[in-house]
Amino acid sequence: MNYTFQFGILWDYGPYLAWGLWHAWWVSFPSIIQTTLLGLVLVACYAVDRKTWADAGLAHWLPLRWRLTVVATLSCVFGAAGT
């Protein structure tokens, strides 16, 4: 690995620095925003899975995936309501 000085640190450790900053940024949010965003991300992931899992031959898992998404999203909503 022969990098120049100015880009060497970011090239080697950039992903790790970004991952650490992401956690610091996420923890700084109030818990009501965290749980609400997490619930929205869960629903968005399910929407993507509905489109992609059928093509991959995993459509028979979608009812279970839906139930788990509903339970996890409701947990986030009730957690946000309780804070």
C-alpha atoms as a PDB file:
ATOM      1  CA  MET A   1       0.000   0.000   0.000  1.00  0.00           C
ATOM      2  CA  ASN A   2       1.709   3.059  -1.250  1.00  0.00           C
ATOM      3  CA  TYR A   3      -0.523   6.090  -0.732  1.00  0.00           C
ATOM      4  CA  THR A   4       0.270   9.759  -0.760  1.00  0.00           C
ATOM      5  CA  PHE A   5       0.378  11.525   2.569  1.00  0.00           C
ATOM      6  CA  GLN A   6      -2.708  13.710   2.181  1.00  0.00           C
ATOM      7  CA  PHE A   7      -5.043  10.868   1.169  1.00  0.00           C
ATOM      8  CA  GLY A   8      -3.486   7.972   3.021  1.00  0.00           C
ATOM      9  CA  ILE A   9      -5.299   8.403   6.318  1.00  0.00           C
ATOM     10  CA  LEU A  10      -8.706   8.947   4.758  1.00  0.00           C
ATOM     11  CA  TRP A  11      -8.196   6.117   2.298  1.00  0.00           C
ATOM     12  CA  ASP A  12      -7.215   3.645   5.014  1.00  0.00           C
ATOM     13  CA  TYR A  13      -9.494   4.750   7.845  1.00  0.00           C
ATOM     14  CA  GLY A  14     -12.239   6.768   6.135  1.00  0.00           C
ATOM     15  CA  PRO A  15     -14.978   4.110   6.389  1.00  0.00           C
ATOM     16  CA  TYR A  16     -14.208   3.551  10.063  1.00  0.00           C
ATOM     17  CA  LEU A  17     -14.286   7.272  10.786  1.00  0.00           C
ATOM     18  CA  ALA A  18     -17.590   7.627   8.946  1.00  0.00           C
ATOM     19  CA  TRP A  19     -19.070   4.697  10.890  1.00  0.00           C
ATOM     20  CA  GLY A  20     -18.022   6.246  14.192  1.00  0.00           C
ATOM     21  CA  LEU A  21     -19.421   9.634  13.243  1.00  0.00           C
ATOM     22  CA  TRP A  22     -22.709   8.043  12.206  1.00  0.00           C
ATOM     23  CA  HIS A  23     -23.142   6.574  15.691  1.00  0.00           C
ATOM     24  CA  ALA A  24     -22.241   9.847  17.363  1.00  0.00           C
ATOM     25  CA  TRP A  25     -24.747  11.661  15.161  1.00  0.00           C
ATOM     26  CA  TRP A  26     -27.503   9.094  15.744  1.00  0.00           C
ATOM     27  CA  VAL A  27     -27.090   9.046  19.537  1.00  0.00           C
ATOM     28  CA  SER A  28     -27.372  12.832  19.668  1.00  0.00           C
ATOM     29  CA  PHE A  29     -31.023  12.653  18.528  1.00  0.00           C
ATOM     30  CA  PRO A  30     -33.840  12.583  21.075  1.00  0.00           C
ATOM     31  CA  SER A  31     -35.275   9.114  21.518  1.00  0.00           C
ATOM     32  CA  ILE A  32     -38.643  10.062  20.010  1.00  0.00           C
ATOM     33  CA  ILE A  33     -36.927  10.958  16.724  1.00  0.00           C
ATOM     34  CA  GLN A  34     -34.784   7.825  16.812  1.00  0.00           C
ATOM     35  CA  THR A  35     -37.716   5.462  17.234  1.00  0.00           C
ATOM     36  CA  THR A  36     -39.832   7.289  14.657  1.00  0.00           C
ATOM     37  CA  LEU A  37     -37.033   7.168  12.072  1.00  0.00           C
ATOM     38  CA  LEU A  38     -36.385   3.530  12.853  1.00  0.00           C
ATOM     39  CA  GLY A  39     -40.060   2.717  12.284  1.00  0.00           C
ATOM     40  CA  LEU A  40     -40.005   4.527   8.933  1.00  0.00           C
ATOM     41  CA  VAL A  41     -36.843   2.688   7.895  1.00  0.00           C
ATOM     42  CA  LEU A  42     -38.449  -0.653   8.773  1.00  0.00           C
ATOM     43  CA  VAL A  43     -41.447   0.124   6.557  1.00  0.00           C
ATOM     44  CA  ALA A  44     -39.174   1.307   3.722  1.00  0.00           C
ATOM     45  CA  CYS A  45     -37.123  -1.896   3.970  1.00  0.00           C
ATOM     46  CA  TYR A  46     -40.274  -3.980   3.760  1.00  0.00           C
ATOM     47  CA  ALA A  47     -41.386  -2.056   0.654  1.00  0.00           C
ATOM     48  CA  VAL A  48     -38.058  -2.833  -1.007  1.00  0.00           C
ATOM     49  CA  ASP A  49     -38.230  -6.474   0.086  1.00  0.00           C
ATOM     50  CA  ARG A  50     -41.686  -6.878  -1.492  1.00  0.00           C
ATOM     51  CA  LYS A  51     -40.207  -5.903  -4.837  1.00  0.00           C
ATOM     52  CA  THR A  52     -36.978  -7.885  -4.604  1.00  0.00           C
ATOM     53  CA  TRP A  53     -37.859 -11.070  -2.715  1.00  0.00           C
ATOM     54  CA  ALA A  54     -40.370 -12.268  -5.309  1.00  0.00           C
ATOM     55  CA  ASP A  55     -37.708 -12.179  -8.013  1.00  0.00           C
ATOM     56  CA  ALA A  56     -35.339 -14.097  -5.751  1.00  0.00           C
ATOM     57  CA  GLY A  57     -37.892 -16.860  -5.128  1.00  0.00           C
ATOM     58  CA  LEU A  58     -38.510 -15.850  -1.529  1.00  0.00           C
ATOM     59  CA  ALA A  59     -42.125 -14.705  -1.884  1.00  0.00           C
ATOM     60  CA  HIS A  60     -43.312 -17.402   0.533  1.00  0.00           C
ATOM     61  CA  TRP A  61     -41.441 -15.569   3.330  1.00  0.00           C
ATOM     62  CA  LEU A  62     -43.237 -12.260   2.795  1.00  0.00           C
ATOM     63  CA  PRO A  63     -46.205 -12.937   5.147  1.00  0.00           C
ATOM     64  CA  LEU A  64     -43.793 -13.622   8.013  1.00  0.00           C
ATOM     65  CA  ARG A  65     -41.710 -10.608   7.020  1.00  0.00           C
ATOM     66  CA  TRP A  66     -44.872  -8.458   7.094  1.00  0.00           C
ATOM     67  CA  ARG A  67     -45.826  -9.662  10.586  1.00  0.00           C
ATOM     68  CA  LEU A  68     -42.347  -9.012  11.932  1.00  0.00           C
ATOM     69  CA  THR A  69     -42.287  -5.544  10.349  1.00  0.00           C
ATOM     70  CA  VAL A  70     -45.659  -4.683  11.895  1.00  0.00           C
ATOM     71  CA  VAL A  71     -44.573  -5.832  15.362  1.00  0.00           C
ATOM     72  CA  ALA A  72     -41.247  -3.993  15.158  1.00  0.00           C
ATOM     73  CA  THR A  73     -42.856  -0.814  13.795  1.00  0.00           C
ATOM     74  CA  LEU A  74     -45.556  -0.826  16.463  1.00  0.00           C
ATOM     75  CA  SER A  75     -42.872  -1.279  19.090  1.00  0.00           C
ATOM     76  CA  CYS A  76     -41.125   1.807  17.724  1.00  0.00           C
ATOM     77  CA  VAL A  77     -44.381   3.799  17.647  1.00  0.00           C
ATOM     78  CA  PHE A  78     -45.332   2.837  21.189  1.00  0.00           C
ATOM     79  CA  GLY A  79     -41.792   3.504  22.360  1.00  0.00           C
ATOM     80  CA  ALA A  80     -41.884   6.937  20.776  1.00  0.00           C
ATOM     81  CA  ALA A  81     -45.277   7.643  22.333  1.00  0.00           C
ATOM     82  CA  GLY A  82     -43.974   6.654  25.752  1.00  0.00           C
ATOM     83  CA  THR A  83     -41.058   9.108  25.716  1.00  0.00           C
END
